[in-house]
Amino acid sequence: MNRRTLFLSAAALVLAGSAASAQQLSLNEVSTYLNNMQTAQGGFTQINGDGTLSTGQLYIKRPGRIRFEYNAPDNSLVLAGAGEVGVFDPKSNQPVERYPLSKTPLSIILDRNVNLGQARMVTGHTSDGTTTTITAQDPAHPEYGNIQMVFTANPVELRQWIVTDDVGEKTTVILNDLAKGGSIADNRFNIDAEVARQR
């Protein structure tokens, strides 16, 4: 399984809830929703590019920090902090893989100030009568891929996303049991601290 794709797929701030609505959400409403999300945590199910499933726990602390703990048999860990992504693969003898957060679609929604209304960021904005789907990319670097986010309204909630990475591989993440708020320690997003802990 491509660990970089696992992280690229994991890309957003989330609240679990119930209501569906025929209302199409505006880009401003979605930007406000993401900007108001400070912390969130809960479960996720991931459909990988090869059709396999992964599950785990997700922790978000905006801006710029996210952590994915994958359940067995995967048992991998992916986290972002201080502008960097770290991928920990217990099945590999290699050291932690690192790359810039700015090169992933995740950076769009973990930004300090999310503004989906800026030029060339949103490439798709539709509604099927129940959900609103928004596809976004880094307007300066569309080659990094994009994230397609699915929201319900009343209240606004992010339900799932599909990430297309820089090589065209798609990964779907379905959010479940995620709750806004609560305290999450900063060291959960510290790559160097995690390296030291795993030694």
C-alpha atoms as a PDB file:
ATOM      1  CA  MET A   1       0.000   0.000   0.000  1.00  0.00           C
ATOM      2  CA  ASN A   2       1.351   3.413  -0.934  1.00  0.00           C
ATOM      3  CA  ARG A   3       1.942   5.235   2.362  1.00  0.00           C
ATOM      4  CA  ARG A   4       2.194   8.592   0.643  1.00  0.00           C
ATOM      5  CA  THR A   5      -1.222   8.015  -0.907  1.00  0.00           C
ATOM      6  CA  LEU A   6      -2.602   7.052   2.491  1.00  0.00           C
ATOM      7  CA  PHE A   7      -1.673  10.461   3.795  1.00  0.00           C
ATOM      8  CA  LEU A   8      -2.732  12.381   0.727  1.00  0.00           C
ATOM      9  CA  SER A   9      -6.136  10.777   1.109  1.00  0.00           C
ATOM     10  CA  ALA A  10      -6.467  11.893   4.568  1.00  0.00           C
ATOM     11  CA  ALA A  11      -7.293  15.406   4.135  1.00  0.00           C
ATOM     12  CA  ALA A  12      -9.829  17.296   6.082  1.00  0.00           C
ATOM     13  CA  LEU A  13     -11.523  18.571   9.161  1.00  0.00           C
ATOM     14  CA  VAL A  14     -14.599  16.724  10.235  1.00  0.00           C
ATOM     15  CA  LEU A  15     -17.722  16.583  12.354  1.00  0.00           C
ATOM     16  CA  ALA A  16     -19.985  13.552  12.365  1.00  0.00           C
ATOM     17  CA  GLY A  17     -23.724  14.183  12.323  1.00  0.00           C
ATOM     18  CA  SER A  18     -26.939  13.265  10.648  1.00  0.00           C
ATOM     19  CA  ALA A  19     -29.020  15.808   8.739  1.00  0.00           C
ATOM     20  CA  ALA A  20     -29.210  15.861   4.976  1.00  0.00           C
ATOM     21  CA  SER A  21     -30.477  18.805   3.002  1.00  0.00           C
ATOM     22  CA  ALA A  22     -31.339  19.794  -0.524  1.00  0.00           C
ATOM     23  CA  GLN A  23     -29.465  23.044   0.029  1.00  0.00           C
ATOM     24  CA  GLN A  24     -26.267  23.564  -1.974  1.00  0.00           C
ATOM     25  CA  LEU A  25     -23.660  24.989   0.355  1.00  0.00           C
ATOM     26  CA  SER A  26     -21.747  28.045  -0.785  1.00  0.00           C
ATOM     27  CA  LEU A  27     -17.955  28.141  -0.905  1.00  0.00           C
ATOM     28  CA  ASN A  28     -18.053  30.758   1.853  1.00  0.00           C
ATOM     29  CA  GLU A  29     -20.141  28.487   4.114  1.00  0.00           C
ATOM     30  CA  VAL A  30     -17.695  25.616   3.653  1.00  0.00           C
ATOM     31  CA  SER A  31     -14.655  27.846   4.196  1.00  0.00           C
ATOM     32  CA  THR A  32     -16.211  29.165   7.407  1.00  0.00           C
ATOM     33  CA  TYR A  33     -16.953  25.616   8.580  1.00  0.00           C
ATOM     34  CA  LEU A  34     -13.348  24.532   8.042  1.00  0.00           C
ATOM     35  CA  ASN A  35     -11.906  27.680   9.621  1.00  0.00           C
ATOM     36  CA  ASN A  36     -14.064  27.196  12.711  1.00  0.00           C
ATOM     37  CA  MET A  37     -12.775  23.665  13.193  1.00  0.00           C
ATOM     38  CA  GLN A  38      -9.955  23.783  15.743  1.00  0.00           C
ATOM     39  CA  THR A  39      -9.761  20.181  16.949  1.00  0.00           C
ATOM     40  CA  ALA A  40     -11.565  16.980  15.969  1.00  0.00           C
ATOM     41  CA  GLN A  41     -11.083  13.274  16.503  1.00  0.00           C
ATOM     42  CA  GLY A  42     -12.760   9.997  15.721  1.00  0.00           C
ATOM     43  CA  GLY A  43     -12.797   7.047  13.341  1.00  0.00           C
ATOM     44  CA  PHE A  44     -12.432   6.645   9.602  1.00  0.00           C
ATOM     45  CA  THR A  45     -12.711   3.965   6.927  1.00  0.00           C
ATOM     46  CA  GLN A  46     -10.443   4.258   3.910  1.00  0.00           C
ATOM     47  CA  ILE A  47     -11.015   2.664   0.506  1.00  0.00           C
ATOM     48  CA  ASN A  48      -7.591   2.350  -1.058  1.00  0.00           C
ATOM     49  CA  GLY A  49      -6.781   2.585  -4.740  1.00  0.00           C
ATOM     50  CA  ASP A  50      -6.525  -1.211  -5.032  1.00  0.00           C
ATOM     51  CA  GLY A  51      -9.970  -1.708  -3.462  1.00  0.00           C
ATOM     52  CA  THR A  52      -8.716  -2.812  -0.041  1.00  0.00           C
ATOM     53  CA  LEU A  53     -10.031  -1.252   3.162  1.00  0.00           C
ATOM     54  CA  SER A  54      -8.169   0.355   6.051  1.00  0.00           C
ATOM     55  CA  THR A  55      -9.611   1.699   9.307  1.00  0.00           C
ATOM     56  CA  GLY A  56      -8.255   3.804  12.108  1.00  0.00           C
ATOM     57  CA  GLN A  57      -8.434   6.887  14.276  1.00  0.00           C
ATOM     58  CA  LEU A  58      -7.988  10.468  13.117  1.00  0.00           C
ATOM     59  CA  TYR A  59      -6.837  13.476  15.176  1.00  0.00           C
ATOM     60  CA  ILE A  60      -6.893  17.061  13.888  1.00  0.00           C
ATOM     61  CA  LYS A  61      -5.499  20.211  15.425  1.00  0.00           C
ATOM     62  CA  ARG A  62      -5.686  23.205  13.138  1.00  0.00           C
ATOM     63  CA  PRO A  63      -3.799  24.830  11.632  1.00  0.00           C
ATOM     64  CA  GLY A  64      -1.421  22.378   9.978  1.00  0.00           C
ATOM     65  CA  ARG A  65      -1.637  19.311  12.209  1.00  0.00           C
ATOM     66  CA  ILE A  66      -3.245  15.921  11.626  1.00  0.00           C
ATOM     67  CA  ARG A  67      -2.560  12.346  12.739  1.00  0.00           C
ATOM     68  CA  PHE A  68      -3.802   9.046  11.287  1.00  0.00           C
ATOM     69  CA  GLU A  69      -3.418   5.891  13.380  1.00  0.00           C
ATOM     70  CA  TYR A  70      -4.169   2.841  11.215  1.00  0.00           C
ATOM     71  CA  ASN A  71      -5.578  -0.293  12.854  1.00  0.00           C
ATOM     72  CA  ALA A  72      -4.180  -3.820  12.457  1.00  0.00           C
ATOM     73  CA  PRO A  73      -3.076  -5.403  10.244  1.00  0.00           C
ATOM     74  CA  ASP A  74      -1.778  -2.148   8.788  1.00  0.00           C
ATOM     75  CA  ASN A  75      -0.574  -0.557  12.054  1.00  0.00           C
ATOM     76  CA  SER A  76       1.008   2.376  10.227  1.00  0.00           C
ATOM     77  CA  LEU A  77       1.051   5.962  11.433  1.00  0.00           C
ATOM     78  CA  VAL A  78       0.936   9.146   9.393  1.00  0.00           C
ATOM     79  CA  LEU A  79       1.168  12.574  10.946  1.00  0.00           C
ATOM     80  CA  ALA A  80       1.748  16.180   9.984  1.00  0.00           C
ATOM     81  CA  GLY A  81       3.194  19.023  12.018  1.00  0.00           C
ATOM     82  CA  ALA A  82       5.574  21.939  11.572  1.00  0.00           C
ATOM     83  CA  GLY A  83       4.971  21.933   7.811  1.00  0.00           C
ATOM     84  CA  GLU A  84       6.116  18.349   7.331  1.00  0.00           C
ATOM     85  CA  VAL A  85       4.501  14.934   6.839  1.00  0.00           C
ATOM     86  CA  GLY A  86       5.928  11.803   8.465  1.00  0.00           C
ATOM     87  CA  VAL A  87       4.966   8.266   7.397  1.00  0.00           C
ATOM     88  CA  PHE A  88       5.801   5.462   9.834  1.00  0.00           C
ATOM     89  CA  ASP A  89       5.557   1.937   8.396  1.00  0.00           C
ATOM     90  CA  PRO A  90       6.189  -0.823  10.950  1.00  0.00           C
ATOM     91  CA  LYS A  91       6.562  -3.380   8.146  1.00  0.00           C
ATOM     92  CA  SER A  92       9.536  -1.529   6.670  1.00  0.00           C
ATOM     93  CA  ASN A  93      13.112  -1.375   7.896  1.00  0.00           C
ATOM     94  CA  GLN A  94      13.440   2.110   6.443  1.00  0.00           C
ATOM     95  CA  PRO A  95      13.402   5.274   8.573  1.00  0.00           C
ATOM     96  CA  VAL A  96      10.354   7.514   8.658  1.00  0.00           C
ATOM     97  CA  GLU A  97       9.463   8.918   5.230  1.00  0.00           C
ATOM     98  CA  ARG A  98       9.191  12.717   5.245  1.00  0.00           C
ATOM     99  CA  TYR A  99       7.933  15.246   2.731  1.00  0.00           C
ATOM    100  CA  PRO A 100       6.476  18.788   2.768  1.00  0.00           C
ATOM    101  CA  LEU A 101       2.858  19.224   3.819  1.00  0.00           C
ATOM    102  CA  SER A 102       2.543  21.912   1.151  1.00  0.00           C
ATOM    103  CA  LYS A 103       2.816  19.234  -1.564  1.00  0.00           C
ATOM    104  CA  THR A 104      -0.357  17.431  -0.486  1.00  0.00           C
ATOM    105  CA  PRO A 105      -4.023  18.381  -1.053  1.00  0.00           C
ATOM    106  CA  LEU A 106      -4.368  18.218   2.724  1.00  0.00           C
ATOM    107  CA  SER A 107      -2.601  21.557   3.005  1.00  0.00           C
ATOM    108  CA  ILE A 108      -5.625  23.245   1.401  1.00  0.00           C
ATOM    109  CA  ILE A 109      -7.926  22.546   4.339  1.00  0.00           C
ATOM    110  CA  LEU A 110      -5.340  22.591   7.122  1.00  0.00           C
ATOM    111  CA  ASP A 111      -4.313  26.114   6.152  1.00  0.00           C
ATOM    112  CA  ARG A 112      -4.666  28.791   8.822  1.00  0.00           C
ATOM    113  CA  ASN A 113      -7.149  30.637   6.619  1.00  0.00           C
ATOM    114  CA  VAL A 114      -9.131  28.425   4.248  1.00  0.00           C
ATOM    115  CA  ASN A 115     -10.514  30.459   1.340  1.00  0.00           C
ATOM    116  CA  LEU A 116     -12.181  28.253  -1.249  1.00  0.00           C
ATOM    117  CA  GLY A 117     -13.298  31.371  -3.105  1.00  0.00           C
ATOM    118  CA  GLN A 118      -9.836  32.272  -4.346  1.00  0.00           C
ATOM    119  CA  ALA A 119      -9.166  32.068  -8.057  1.00  0.00           C
ATOM    120  CA  ARG A 120      -8.488  28.639  -9.601  1.00  0.00           C
ATOM    121  CA  MET A 121      -8.781  26.749  -6.297  1.00  0.00           C
ATOM    122  CA  VAL A 122     -12.206  25.161  -6.783  1.00  0.00           C
ATOM    123  CA  THR A 123     -12.622  23.138  -9.987  1.00  0.00           C
ATOM    124  CA  GLY A 124     -16.000  21.581  -9.166  1.00  0.00           C
ATOM    125  CA  HIS A 125     -19.018  22.665  -7.060  1.00  0.00           C
ATOM    126  CA  THR A 126     -22.205  20.619  -7.388  1.00  0.00           C
ATOM    127  CA  SER A 127     -25.203  19.339  -5.431  1.00  0.00           C
ATOM    128  CA  ASP A 128     -27.237  16.153  -5.901  1.00  0.00           C
ATOM    129  CA  GLY A 129     -30.115  17.420  -3.759  1.00  0.00           C
ATOM    130  CA  THR A 130     -28.747  15.783  -0.611  1.00  0.00           C
ATOM    131  CA  THR A 131     -25.053  16.626  -0.510  1.00  0.00           C
ATOM    132  CA  THR A 132     -22.716  19.331  -1.796  1.00  0.00           C
ATOM    133  CA  THR A 133     -19.503  18.185  -3.472  1.00  0.00           C
ATOM    134  CA  ILE A 134     -16.526  20.537  -3.826  1.00  0.00           C
ATOM    135  CA  THR A 135     -13.319  19.671  -5.671  1.00  0.00           C
ATOM    136  CA  ALA A 136     -10.315  21.826  -4.724  1.00  0.00           C
ATOM    137  CA  GLN A 137      -6.649  22.072  -5.652  1.00  0.00           C
ATOM    138  CA  ASP A 138      -3.673  24.263  -4.871  1.00  0.00           C
ATOM    139  CA  PRO A 139      -4.142  26.998  -7.498  1.00  0.00           C
ATOM    140  CA  ALA A 140      -0.390  27.519  -7.739  1.00  0.00           C
ATOM    141  CA  HIS A 141       0.373  23.785  -8.044  1.00  0.00           C
ATOM    142  CA  PRO A 142      -2.488  21.807  -9.607  1.00  0.00           C
ATOM    143  CA  GLU A 143       0.042  19.059 -10.335  1.00  0.00           C
ATOM    144  CA  TYR A 144      -0.043  18.105  -6.630  1.00  0.00           C
ATOM    145  CA  GLY A 145      -3.523  16.606  -7.112  1.00  0.00           C
ATOM    146  CA  ASN A 146      -6.926  17.513  -5.691  1.00  0.00           C
ATOM    147  CA  ILE A 147      -9.416  16.706  -2.978  1.00  0.00           C
ATOM    148  CA  GLN A 148     -13.130  16.154  -3.586  1.00  0.00           C
ATOM    149  CA  MET A 149     -15.078  16.830  -0.390  1.00  0.00           C
ATOM    150  CA  VAL A 150     -18.695  15.802   0.268  1.00  0.00           C
ATOM    151  CA  PHE A 151     -20.777  17.825   2.748  1.00  0.00           C
ATOM    152  CA  THR A 152     -24.271  17.714   4.189  1.00  0.00           C
ATOM    153  CA  ALA A 153     -26.064  20.798   5.536  1.00  0.00           C
ATOM    154  CA  ASN A 154     -28.066  21.871   8.603  1.00  0.00           C
ATOM    155  CA  PRO A 155     -25.584  21.702  10.250  1.00  0.00           C
ATOM    156  CA  VAL A 156     -22.709  21.785   7.767  1.00  0.00           C
ATOM    157  CA  GLU A 157     -20.694  18.579   8.092  1.00  0.00           C
ATOM    158  CA  LEU A 158     -17.973  16.929   6.055  1.00  0.00           C
ATOM    159  CA  ARG A 159     -18.874  13.276   5.388  1.00  0.00           C
ATOM    160  CA  GLN A 160     -16.161  11.946   3.116  1.00  0.00           C
ATOM    161  CA  TRP A 161     -13.484  12.903   0.630  1.00  0.00           C
ATOM    162  CA  ILE A 162     -11.776  11.457  -2.411  1.00  0.00           C
ATOM    163  CA  VAL A 163      -8.182  12.436  -3.047  1.00  0.00           C
ATOM    164  CA  THR A 164      -6.553  12.151  -6.434  1.00  0.00           C
ATOM    165  CA  ASP A 165      -2.810  12.301  -5.855  1.00  0.00           C
ATOM    166  CA  ASP A 166      -0.015  13.553  -8.096  1.00  0.00           C
ATOM    167  CA  VAL A 167       0.100  10.257 -10.039  1.00  0.00           C
ATOM    168  CA  GLY A 168      -3.669   9.989 -10.500  1.00  0.00           C
ATOM    169  CA  GLU A 169      -4.399   7.399  -7.803  1.00  0.00           C
ATOM    170  CA  LYS A 170      -7.730   7.873  -6.022  1.00  0.00           C
ATOM    171  CA  THR A 171      -8.392   7.120  -2.360  1.00  0.00           C
ATOM    172  CA  THR A 172     -11.711   7.540  -0.526  1.00  0.00           C
ATOM    173  CA  VAL A 173     -12.013   8.304   3.182  1.00  0.00           C
ATOM    174  CA  ILE A 174     -15.383   7.920   4.926  1.00  0.00           C
ATOM    175  CA  LEU A 175     -15.713   9.705   8.255  1.00  0.00           C
ATOM    176  CA  ASN A 176     -17.444   8.148  11.246  1.00  0.00           C
ATOM    177  CA  ASP A 177     -17.855   8.947  14.942  1.00  0.00           C
ATOM    178  CA  LEU A 178     -15.796  12.126  14.605  1.00  0.00           C
ATOM    179  CA  ALA A 179     -16.392  14.838  17.155  1.00  0.00           C
ATOM    180  CA  LYS A 180     -15.374  18.480  17.236  1.00  0.00           C
ATOM    181  CA  GLY A 181     -13.495  19.959  20.167  1.00  0.00           C
ATOM    182  CA  GLY A 182     -11.539  18.552  23.043  1.00  0.00           C
ATOM    183  CA  SER A 183      -7.893  18.801  23.987  1.00  0.00           C
ATOM    184  CA  ILE A 184      -5.240  17.041  21.884  1.00  0.00           C
ATOM    185  CA  ALA A 185      -1.592  17.257  22.982  1.00  0.00           C
ATOM    186  CA  ASP A 186       0.787  19.013  20.588  1.00  0.00           C
ATOM    187  CA  ASN A 187       3.341  16.182  20.803  1.00  0.00           C
ATOM    188  CA  ARG A 188       0.937  13.869  18.961  1.00  0.00           C
ATOM    189  CA  PHE A 189       1.860  15.832  15.828  1.00  0.00           C
ATOM    190  CA  ASN A 190       5.623  15.990  16.448  1.00  0.00           C
ATOM    191  CA  ILE A 191       7.487  13.742  14.001  1.00  0.00           C
ATOM    192  CA  ASP A 192      10.809  13.829  15.858  1.00  0.00           C
ATOM    193  CA  ALA A 193       9.090  12.998  19.153  1.00  0.00           C
ATOM    194  CA  GLU A 194       7.373  10.027  17.504  1.00  0.00           C
ATOM    195  CA  VAL A 195      10.693   8.806  16.066  1.00  0.00           C
ATOM    196  CA  ALA A 196      12.226   8.948  19.559  1.00  0.00           C
ATOM    197  CA  ARG A 197       9.219   7.190  21.105  1.00  0.00           C
ATOM    198  CA  GLN A 198       9.387   4.300  18.636  1.00  0.00           C
ATOM    199  CA  ARG A 199      13.085   3.596  19.170  1.00  0.00           C
END
